Amino acid sequence: MHTMKRSASWMVTAALVATLFGGCAASPEDAAVEEQPDLVERAATIALEIEAAPEATEEILERHGLDVEEFEEMLMTISEDEELRKAYNARLGG
């Protein structure tokens, strides 16, 4: 079980790095404008919680109703849109 948690933490950390430093272009399927702030706020809140307690990654994601794959998908959506990426980075203090 400990190995599974470590793998989940590693995958989420990798996804965070990809979101922060990824250079993906925006796609036409980006979230609707009114949904973007909620997506960014939710993802950033989760990311900050994981950063503060990486050993509790799975529990944090479960508390937010997500699994690792769903969180990675959320981060990919953000990384594919320049405005979302900027808002996410700003929310994380970058």
PDB file of N, CA and C in Angstrom:
ATOM      1  N   MET A   1       0.826  -1.192   0.000  1.00  0.00           N
ATOM      2  CA  MET A   1       0.000   0.000   0.000  1.00  0.00           C
ATOM      3  C   MET A   1       0.869   1.254   0.000  1.00  0.00           C
ATOM      4  N   HIS A   2       1.959   1.236   0.764  1.00  0.00           N
ATOM      5  CA  HIS A   2       2.846   2.386   0.809  1.00  0.00           C
ATOM      6  C   HIS A   2       3.430   2.684  -0.574  1.00  0.00           C
ATOM      7  N   THR A   3       3.770   1.648  -1.322  1.00  0.00           N
ATOM      8  CA  THR A   3       4.289   1.820  -2.675  1.00  0.00           C
ATOM      9  C   THR A   3       3.237   2.451  -3.568  1.00  0.00           C
ATOM     10  N   MET A   4       1.977   2.067  -3.394  1.00  0.00           N
ATOM     11  CA  MET A   4       0.888   2.631  -4.198  1.00  0.00           C
ATOM     12  C   MET A   4       0.754   4.127  -3.915  1.00  0.00           C
ATOM     13  N   LYS A   5       0.843   4.510  -2.641  1.00  0.00           N
ATOM     14  CA  LYS A   5       0.741   5.925  -2.291  1.00  0.00           C
ATOM     15  C   LYS A   5       1.910   6.701  -2.873  1.00  0.00           C
ATOM     16  N   ARG A   6       3.097   6.121  -2.811  1.00  0.00           N
ATOM     17  CA  ARG A   6       4.263   6.792  -3.362  1.00  0.00           C
ATOM     18  C   ARG A   6       4.103   6.965  -4.864  1.00  0.00           C
ATOM     19  N   SER A   7       3.575   5.946  -5.555  1.00  0.00           N
ATOM     20  CA  SER A   7       3.346   6.042  -6.998  1.00  0.00           C
ATOM     21  C   SER A   7       2.329   7.126  -7.311  1.00  0.00           C
ATOM     22  N   ALA A   8       1.266   7.193  -6.522  1.00  0.00           N
ATOM     23  CA  ALA A   8       0.252   8.229  -6.742  1.00  0.00           C
ATOM     24  C   ALA A   8       0.852   9.604  -6.536  1.00  0.00           C
ATOM     25  N   SER A   9       1.655   9.765  -5.494  1.00  0.00           N
ATOM     26  CA  SER A   9       2.296  11.052  -5.242  1.00  0.00           C
ATOM     27  C   SER A   9       3.216  11.432  -6.385  1.00  0.00           C
ATOM     28  N   TRP A  10       3.978  10.476  -6.876  1.00  0.00           N
ATOM     29  CA  TRP A  10       4.905  10.736  -7.971  1.00  0.00           C
ATOM     30  C   TRP A  10       4.142  11.155  -9.221  1.00  0.00           C
ATOM     31  N   MET A  11       3.053  10.464  -9.533  1.00  0.00           N
ATOM     32  CA  MET A  11       2.288  10.777 -10.739  1.00  0.00           C
ATOM     33  C   MET A  11       1.670  12.171 -10.638  1.00  0.00           C
ATOM     34  N   VAL A  12       1.132  12.494  -9.490  1.00  0.00           N
ATOM     35  CA  VAL A  12       0.516  13.807  -9.322  1.00  0.00           C
ATOM     36  C   VAL A  12       1.588  14.888  -9.374  1.00  0.00           C
ATOM     37  N   THR A  13       2.724  14.649  -8.751  1.00  0.00           N
ATOM     38  CA  THR A  13       3.818  15.623  -8.799  1.00  0.00           C
ATOM     39  C   THR A  13       4.253  15.855 -10.239  1.00  0.00           C
ATOM     40  N   ALA A  14       4.381  14.781 -10.994  1.00  0.00           N
ATOM     41  CA  ALA A  14       4.763  14.915 -12.404  1.00  0.00           C
ATOM     42  C   ALA A  14       3.716  15.718 -13.167  1.00  0.00           C
ATOM     43  N   ALA A  15       2.448  15.482 -12.864  1.00  0.00           N
ATOM     44  CA  ALA A  15       1.383  16.223 -13.535  1.00  0.00           C
ATOM     45  C   ALA A  15       1.442  17.708 -13.178  1.00  0.00           C
ATOM     46  N   LEU A  16       1.749  18.005 -11.926  1.00  0.00           N
ATOM     47  CA  LEU A  16       1.877  19.400 -11.514  1.00  0.00           C
ATOM     48  C   LEU A  16       3.011  20.094 -12.256  1.00  0.00           C
ATOM     49  N   VAL A  17       4.124  19.416 -12.365  1.00  0.00           N
ATOM     50  CA  VAL A  17       5.257  19.987 -13.089  1.00  0.00           C
ATOM     51  C   VAL A  17       4.892  20.214 -14.549  1.00  0.00           C
ATOM     52  N   ALA A  18       4.228  19.249 -15.153  1.00  0.00           N
ATOM     53  CA  ALA A  18       3.825  19.390 -16.549  1.00  0.00           C
ATOM     54  C   ALA A  18       2.886  20.574 -16.730  1.00  0.00           C
ATOM     55  N   THR A  19       1.990  20.778 -15.776  1.00  0.00           N
ATOM     56  CA  THR A  19       1.055  21.896 -15.866  1.00  0.00           C
ATOM     57  C   THR A  19       1.781  23.221 -15.714  1.00  0.00           C
ATOM     58  N   LEU A  20       2.679  23.290 -14.757  1.00  0.00           N
ATOM     59  CA  LEU A  20       3.379  24.541 -14.492  1.00  0.00           C
ATOM     60  C   LEU A  20       4.331  24.930 -15.608  1.00  0.00           C
ATOM     61  N   PHE A  21       4.990  23.948 -16.198  1.00  0.00           N
ATOM     62  CA  PHE A  21       6.021  24.252 -17.167  1.00  0.00           C
ATOM     63  C   PHE A  21       5.688  23.798 -18.574  1.00  0.00           C
ATOM     64  N   GLY A  22       4.510  23.230 -18.768  1.00  0.00           N
ATOM     65  CA  GLY A  22       4.114  22.763 -20.091  1.00  0.00           C
ATOM     66  C   GLY A  22       3.873  23.917 -21.036  1.00  0.00           C
ATOM     67  N   GLY A  23       4.085  23.672 -22.301  1.00  0.00           N
ATOM     68  CA  GLY A  23       3.895  24.716 -23.296  1.00  0.00           C
ATOM     69  C   GLY A  23       2.848  24.322 -24.310  1.00  0.00           C
ATOM     70  N   CYS A  24       1.826  23.610 -23.887  1.00  0.00           N
ATOM     71  CA  CYS A  24       0.803  23.144 -24.812  1.00  0.00           C
ATOM     72  C   CYS A  24      -0.031  24.310 -25.319  1.00  0.00           C
ATOM     73  N   ALA A  25      -0.450  24.203 -26.535  1.00  0.00           N
ATOM     74  CA  ALA A  25      -1.317  25.228 -27.131  1.00  0.00           C
ATOM     75  C   ALA A  25      -2.753  25.029 -26.676  1.00  0.00           C
ATOM     76  N   ALA A  26      -3.522  26.094 -26.687  1.00  0.00           N
ATOM     77  CA  ALA A  26      -4.934  26.008 -26.343  1.00  0.00           C
ATOM     78  C   ALA A  26      -5.680  25.216 -27.402  1.00  0.00           C
ATOM     79  N   SER A  27      -6.697  24.498 -26.970  1.00  0.00           N
ATOM     80  CA  SER A  27      -7.500  23.715 -27.896  1.00  0.00           C
ATOM     81  C   SER A  27      -8.914  24.260 -27.936  1.00  0.00           C
ATOM     82  N   PRO A  28      -9.671  23.963 -29.001  1.00  0.00           N
ATOM     83  CA  PRO A  28     -11.038  24.471 -29.101  1.00  0.00           C
ATOM     84  C   PRO A  28     -11.973  23.880 -28.064  1.00  0.00           C
ATOM     85  N   GLU A  29     -11.575  22.786 -27.429  1.00  0.00           N
ATOM     86  CA  GLU A  29     -12.428  22.127 -26.436  1.00  0.00           C
ATOM     87  C   GLU A  29     -12.243  22.694 -25.035  1.00  0.00           C
ATOM     88  N   ASP A  30     -11.603  23.838 -24.887  1.00  0.00           N
ATOM     89  CA  ASP A  30     -11.365  24.400 -23.559  1.00  0.00           C
ATOM     90  C   ASP A  30     -12.685  24.603 -22.821  1.00  0.00           C
ATOM     91  N   ALA A  31     -12.579  24.614 -21.491  1.00  0.00           N
ATOM     92  CA  ALA A  31     -13.769  24.774 -20.645  1.00  0.00           C
ATOM     93  C   ALA A  31     -14.446  26.105 -20.939  1.00  0.00           C
ATOM     94  N   ALA A  32     -15.755  26.136 -20.695  1.00  0.00           N
ATOM     95  CA  ALA A  32     -16.520  27.365 -20.886  1.00  0.00           C
ATOM     96  C   ALA A  32     -15.986  28.437 -19.943  1.00  0.00           C
ATOM     97  N   VAL A  33     -16.075  29.687 -20.361  1.00  0.00           N
ATOM     98  CA  VAL A  33     -15.493  30.796 -19.600  1.00  0.00           C
ATOM     99  C   VAL A  33     -15.968  30.791 -18.153  1.00  0.00           C
ATOM    100  N   GLU A  34     -17.237  30.565 -17.911  1.00  0.00           N
ATOM    101  CA  GLU A  34     -17.750  30.616 -16.546  1.00  0.00           C
ATOM    102  C   GLU A  34     -17.260  29.457 -15.691  1.00  0.00           C
ATOM    103  N   GLU A  35     -16.789  28.374 -16.291  1.00  0.00           N
ATOM    104  CA  GLU A  35     -16.295  27.229 -15.536  1.00  0.00           C
ATOM    105  C   GLU A  35     -14.801  27.347 -15.241  1.00  0.00           C
ATOM    106  N   GLN A  36     -14.078  28.168 -15.965  1.00  0.00           N
ATOM    107  CA  GLN A  36     -12.633  28.244 -15.834  1.00  0.00           C
ATOM    108  C   GLN A  36     -12.157  28.642 -14.436  1.00  0.00           C
ATOM    109  N   PRO A  37     -12.703  29.694 -13.842  1.00  0.00           N
ATOM    110  CA  PRO A  37     -12.214  30.059 -12.501  1.00  0.00           C
ATOM    111  C   PRO A  37     -12.412  28.938 -11.483  1.00  0.00           C
ATOM    112  N   ASP A  38     -13.535  28.222 -11.560  1.00  0.00           N
ATOM    113  CA  ASP A  38     -13.786  27.125 -10.635  1.00  0.00           C
ATOM    114  C   ASP A  38     -12.782  25.996 -10.842  1.00  0.00           C
ATOM    115  N   LEU A  39     -12.473  25.678 -12.083  1.00  0.00           N
ATOM    116  CA  LEU A  39     -11.517  24.627 -12.399  1.00  0.00           C
ATOM    117  C   LEU A  39     -10.139  24.988 -11.851  1.00  0.00           C
ATOM    118  N   VAL A  40      -9.704  26.203 -12.108  1.00  0.00           N
ATOM    119  CA  VAL A  40      -8.402  26.662 -11.647  1.00  0.00           C
ATOM    120  C   VAL A  40      -8.363  26.681 -10.121  1.00  0.00           C
ATOM    121  N   GLU A  41      -9.371  27.220  -9.500  1.00  0.00           N
ATOM    122  CA  GLU A  41      -9.413  27.307  -8.036  1.00  0.00           C
ATOM    123  C   GLU A  41      -9.379  25.906  -7.419  1.00  0.00           C
ATOM    124  N   ARG A  42     -10.171  25.004  -7.949  1.00  0.00           N
ATOM    125  CA  ARG A  42     -10.210  23.634  -7.409  1.00  0.00           C
ATOM    126  C   ARG A  42      -8.858  22.944  -7.578  1.00  0.00           C
ATOM    127  N   ALA A  43      -8.289  23.021  -8.770  1.00  0.00           N
ATOM    128  CA  ALA A  43      -7.010  22.366  -9.034  1.00  0.00           C
ATOM    129  C   ALA A  43      -5.904  22.960  -8.164  1.00  0.00           C
ATOM    130  N   ALA A  44      -5.876  24.272  -8.034  1.00  0.00           N
ATOM    131  CA  ALA A  44      -4.839  24.923  -7.233  1.00  0.00           C
ATOM    132  C   ALA A  44      -4.981  24.577  -5.756  1.00  0.00           C
ATOM    133  N   THR A  45      -6.199  24.545  -5.271  1.00  0.00           N
ATOM    134  CA  THR A  45      -6.439  24.178  -3.873  1.00  0.00           C
ATOM    135  C   THR A  45      -5.910  22.777  -3.597  1.00  0.00           C
ATOM    136  N   ILE A  46      -6.222  21.848  -4.487  1.00  0.00           N
ATOM    137  CA  ILE A  46      -5.761  20.466  -4.330  1.00  0.00           C
ATOM    138  C   ILE A  46      -4.243  20.402  -4.424  1.00  0.00           C
ATOM    139  N   ALA A  47      -3.675  21.094  -5.392  1.00  0.00           N
ATOM    140  CA  ALA A  47      -2.222  21.076  -5.577  1.00  0.00           C
ATOM    141  C   ALA A  47      -1.505  21.608  -4.339  1.00  0.00           C
ATOM    142  N   LEU A  48      -2.009  22.668  -3.757  1.00  0.00           N
ATOM    143  CA  LEU A  48      -1.384  23.234  -2.562  1.00  0.00           C
ATOM    144  C   LEU A  48      -1.487  22.272  -1.380  1.00  0.00           C
ATOM    145  N   GLU A  49      -2.613  21.592  -1.270  1.00  0.00           N
ATOM    146  CA  GLU A  49      -2.765  20.601  -0.205  1.00  0.00           C
ATOM    147  C   GLU A  49      -1.777  19.450  -0.395  1.00  0.00           C
ATOM    148  N   ILE A  50      -1.618  18.999  -1.638  1.00  0.00           N
ATOM    149  CA  ILE A  50      -0.684  17.908  -1.924  1.00  0.00           C
ATOM    150  C   ILE A  50       0.753  18.366  -1.675  1.00  0.00           C
ATOM    151  N   GLU A  51       1.065  19.598  -2.054  1.00  0.00           N
ATOM    152  CA  GLU A  51       2.407  20.127  -1.827  1.00  0.00           C
ATOM    153  C   GLU A  51       2.724  20.149  -0.331  1.00  0.00           C
ATOM    154  N   ALA A  52       1.744  20.485   0.490  1.00  0.00           N
ATOM    155  CA  ALA A  52       1.942  20.561   1.933  1.00  0.00           C
ATOM    156  C   ALA A  52       2.057  19.184   2.583  1.00  0.00           C
ATOM    157  N   ALA A  53       1.427  18.172   1.988  1.00  0.00           N
ATOM    158  CA  ALA A  53       1.434  16.827   2.571  1.00  0.00           C
ATOM    159  C   ALA A  53       1.465  15.777   1.469  1.00  0.00           C
ATOM    160  N   PRO A  54       2.572  15.667   0.746  1.00  0.00           N
ATOM    161  CA  PRO A  54       2.626  14.725  -0.383  1.00  0.00           C
ATOM    162  C   PRO A  54       2.382  13.270   0.000  1.00  0.00           C
ATOM    163  N   GLU A  55       2.681  12.926   1.246  1.00  0.00           N
ATOM    164  CA  GLU A  55       2.438  11.550   1.682  1.00  0.00           C
ATOM    165  C   GLU A  55       0.949  11.228   1.793  1.00  0.00           C
ATOM    166  N   ALA A  56       0.107  12.239   1.769  1.00  0.00           N
ATOM    167  CA  ALA A  56      -1.338  12.057   1.891  1.00  0.00           C
ATOM    168  C   ALA A  56      -2.062  12.303   0.571  1.00  0.00           C
ATOM    169  N   THR A  57      -1.367  12.163  -0.541  1.00  0.00           N
ATOM    170  CA  THR A  57      -1.940  12.470  -1.854  1.00  0.00           C
ATOM    171  C   THR A  57      -3.257  11.757  -2.097  1.00  0.00           C
ATOM    172  N   GLU A  58      -3.287  10.457  -1.909  1.00  0.00           N
ATOM    173  CA  GLU A  58      -4.516   9.707  -2.191  1.00  0.00           C
ATOM    174  C   GLU A  58      -5.668  10.171  -1.313  1.00  0.00           C
ATOM    175  N   GLU A  59      -5.404  10.417  -0.042  1.00  0.00           N
ATOM    176  CA  GLU A  59      -6.450  10.874   0.866  1.00  0.00           C
ATOM    177  C   GLU A  59      -6.968  12.254   0.466  1.00  0.00           C
ATOM    178  N   ILE A  60      -6.054  13.132   0.069  1.00  0.00           N
ATOM    179  CA  ILE A  60      -6.444  14.479  -0.368  1.00  0.00           C
ATOM    180  C   ILE A  60      -7.335  14.396  -1.600  1.00  0.00           C
ATOM    181  N   LEU A  61      -6.914  13.600  -2.566  1.00  0.00           N
ATOM    182  CA  LEU A  61      -7.717  13.450  -3.782  1.00  0.00           C
ATOM    183  C   LEU A  61      -9.079  12.853  -3.469  1.00  0.00           C
ATOM    184  N   GLU A  62      -9.121  11.845  -2.614  1.00  0.00           N
ATOM    185  CA  GLU A  62     -10.400  11.233  -2.229  1.00  0.00           C
ATOM    186  C   GLU A  62     -11.316  12.254  -1.565  1.00  0.00           C
ATOM    187  N   ARG A  63     -10.751  13.088  -0.699  1.00  0.00           N
ATOM    188  CA  ARG A  63     -11.539  14.119  -0.013  1.00  0.00           C
ATOM    189  C   ARG A  63     -12.176  15.092  -1.017  1.00  0.00           C
ATOM    190  N   HIS A  64     -11.506  15.287  -2.147  1.00  0.00           N
ATOM    191  CA  HIS A  64     -12.013  16.175  -3.185  1.00  0.00           C
ATOM    192  C   HIS A  64     -12.813  15.413  -4.243  1.00  0.00           C
ATOM    193  N   GLY A  65     -13.047  14.132  -3.995  1.00  0.00           N
ATOM    194  CA  GLY A  65     -13.867  13.340  -4.911  1.00  0.00           C
ATOM    195  C   GLY A  65     -13.167  12.967  -6.203  1.00  0.00           C
ATOM    196  N   LEU A  66     -11.839  12.875  -6.178  1.00  0.00           N
ATOM    197  CA  LEU A  66     -11.068  12.571  -7.377  1.00  0.00           C
ATOM    198  C   LEU A  66     -10.134  11.394  -7.141  1.00  0.00           C
ATOM    199  N   ASP A  67      -9.734  10.760  -8.233  1.00  0.00           N
ATOM    200  CA  ASP A  67      -8.619   9.828  -8.168  1.00  0.00           C
ATOM    201  C   ASP A  67      -7.467  10.464  -8.940  1.00  0.00           C
ATOM    202  N   VAL A  68      -6.333   9.805  -8.960  1.00  0.00           N
ATOM    203  CA  VAL A  68      -5.140  10.377  -9.589  1.00  0.00           C
ATOM    204  C   VAL A  68      -5.397  10.710 -11.051  1.00  0.00           C
ATOM    205  N   GLU A  69      -6.036   9.788 -11.779  1.00  0.00           N
ATOM    206  CA  GLU A  69      -6.284  10.014 -13.199  1.00  0.00           C
ATOM    207  C   GLU A  69      -7.184  11.222 -13.440  1.00  0.00           C
ATOM    208  N   GLU A  70      -8.186  11.392 -12.607  1.00  0.00           N
ATOM    209  CA  GLU A  70      -9.092  12.538 -12.762  1.00  0.00           C
ATOM    210  C   GLU A  70      -8.363  13.862 -12.481  1.00  0.00           C
ATOM    211  N   PHE A  71      -7.500  13.850 -11.476  1.00  0.00           N
ATOM    212  CA  PHE A  71      -6.735  15.059 -11.174  1.00  0.00           C
ATOM    213  C   PHE A  71      -5.754  15.362 -12.299  1.00  0.00           C
ATOM    214  N   GLU A  72      -5.108  14.339 -12.815  1.00  0.00           N
ATOM    215  CA  GLU A  72      -4.193  14.548 -13.941  1.00  0.00           C
ATOM    216  C   GLU A  72      -4.937  15.109 -15.147  1.00  0.00           C
ATOM    217  N   GLU A  73      -6.152  14.618 -15.379  1.00  0.00           N
ATOM    218  CA  GLU A  73      -6.966  15.126 -16.482  1.00  0.00           C
ATOM    219  C   GLU A  73      -7.303  16.608 -16.267  1.00  0.00           C
ATOM    220  N   MET A  74      -7.617  16.958 -15.029  1.00  0.00           N
ATOM    221  CA  MET A  74      -7.902  18.356 -14.693  1.00  0.00           C
ATOM    222  C   MET A  74      -6.683  19.226 -14.993  1.00  0.00           C
ATOM    223  N   LEU A  75      -5.507  18.750 -14.587  1.00  0.00           N
ATOM    224  CA  LEU A  75      -4.279  19.503 -14.824  1.00  0.00           C
ATOM    225  C   LEU A  75      -3.956  19.605 -16.309  1.00  0.00           C
ATOM    226  N   MET A  76      -4.251  18.567 -17.060  1.00  0.00           N
ATOM    227  CA  MET A  76      -4.021  18.611 -18.507  1.00  0.00           C
ATOM    228  C   MET A  76      -4.923  19.650 -19.157  1.00  0.00           C
ATOM    229  N   THR A  77      -6.169  19.721 -18.722  1.00  0.00           N
ATOM    230  CA  THR A  77      -7.088  20.725 -19.256  1.00  0.00           C
ATOM    231  C   THR A  77      -6.520  22.123 -19.021  1.00  0.00           C
ATOM    232  N   ILE A  78      -5.993  22.345 -17.838  1.00  0.00           N
ATOM    233  CA  ILE A  78      -5.406  23.642 -17.518  1.00  0.00           C
ATOM    234  C   ILE A  78      -4.163  23.890 -18.357  1.00  0.00           C
ATOM    235  N   SER A  79      -3.317  22.882 -18.493  1.00  0.00           N
ATOM    236  CA  SER A  79      -2.054  23.070 -19.218  1.00  0.00           C
ATOM    237  C   SER A  79      -2.262  23.346 -20.698  1.00  0.00           C
ATOM    238  N   GLU A  80      -3.406  22.944 -21.245  1.00  0.00           N
ATOM    239  CA  GLU A  80      -3.690  23.130 -22.668  1.00  0.00           C
ATOM    240  C   GLU A  80      -4.251  24.506 -23.002  1.00  0.00           C
ATOM    241  N   ASP A  81      -4.513  25.320 -21.988  1.00  0.00           N
ATOM    242  CA  ASP A  81      -5.107  26.635 -22.209  1.00  0.00           C
ATOM    243  C   ASP A  81      -4.217  27.689 -21.550  1.00  0.00           C
ATOM    244  N   GLU A  82      -3.689  28.607 -22.345  1.00  0.00           N
ATOM    245  CA  GLU A  82      -2.742  29.596 -21.830  1.00  0.00           C
ATOM    246  C   GLU A  82      -3.328  30.434 -20.695  1.00  0.00           C
ATOM    247  N   GLU A  83      -4.565  30.878 -20.824  1.00  0.00           N
ATOM    248  CA  GLU A  83      -5.169  31.708 -19.784  1.00  0.00           C
ATOM    249  C   GLU A  83      -5.383  30.922 -18.497  1.00  0.00           C
ATOM    250  N   LEU A  84      -5.846  29.675 -18.633  1.00  0.00           N
ATOM    251  CA  LEU A  84      -6.016  28.835 -17.439  1.00  0.00           C
ATOM    252  C   LEU A  84      -4.668  28.579 -16.781  1.00  0.00           C
ATOM    253  N   ARG A  85      -3.660  28.315 -17.591  1.00  0.00           N
ATOM    254  CA  ARG A  85      -2.318  28.038 -17.074  1.00  0.00           C
ATOM    255  C   ARG A  85      -1.792  29.248 -16.299  1.00  0.00           C
ATOM    256  N   LYS A  86      -1.977  30.450 -16.856  1.00  0.00           N
ATOM    257  CA  LYS A  86      -1.537  31.672 -16.175  1.00  0.00           C
ATOM    258  C   LYS A  86      -2.287  31.868 -14.859  1.00  0.00           C
ATOM    259  N   ALA A  87      -3.584  31.650 -14.879  1.00  0.00           N
ATOM    260  CA  ALA A  87      -4.391  31.806 -13.659  1.00  0.00           C
ATOM    261  C   ALA A  87      -3.973  30.785 -12.614  1.00  0.00           C
ATOM    262  N   TYR A  88      -3.719  29.560 -13.042  1.00  0.00           N
ATOM    263  CA  TYR A  88      -3.289  28.495 -12.128  1.00  0.00           C
ATOM    264  C   TYR A  88      -1.940  28.852 -11.496  1.00  0.00           C
ATOM    265  N   ASN A  89      -0.999  29.280 -12.320  1.00  0.00           N
ATOM    266  CA  ASN A  89       0.318  29.666 -11.811  1.00  0.00           C
ATOM    267  C   ASN A  89       0.219  30.841 -10.850  1.00  0.00           C
ATOM    268  N   ALA A  90      -0.632  31.803 -11.160  1.00  0.00           N
ATOM    269  CA  ALA A  90      -0.823  32.950 -10.284  1.00  0.00           C
ATOM    270  C   ALA A  90      -1.417  32.504  -8.940  1.00  0.00           C
ATOM    271  N   ARG A  91      -2.369  31.599  -9.008  1.00  0.00           N
ATOM    272  CA  ARG A  91      -3.018  31.083  -7.781  1.00  0.00           C
ATOM    273  C   ARG A  91      -2.017  30.337  -6.910  1.00  0.00           C
ATOM    274  N   LEU A  92      -1.033  29.688  -7.533  1.00  0.00           N
ATOM    275  CA  LEU A  92      -0.017  28.964  -6.774  1.00  0.00           C
ATOM    276  C   LEU A  92       1.114  29.889  -6.316  1.00  0.00           C
ATOM    277  N   GLY A  93       1.023  31.145  -6.685  1.00  0.00           N
ATOM    278  CA  GLY A  93       2.017  32.110  -6.245  1.00  0.00           C
ATOM    279  C   GLY A  93       3.208  32.217  -7.192  1.00  0.00           C
ATOM    280  N   GLY A  94       3.022  31.726  -8.438  1.00  0.00           N
ATOM    281  CA  GLY A  94       4.136  31.757  -9.382  1.00  0.00           C
ATOM    282  C   GLY A  94       4.122  32.885 -10.338  1.00  0.00           C
TER     283      GLY A  94
END
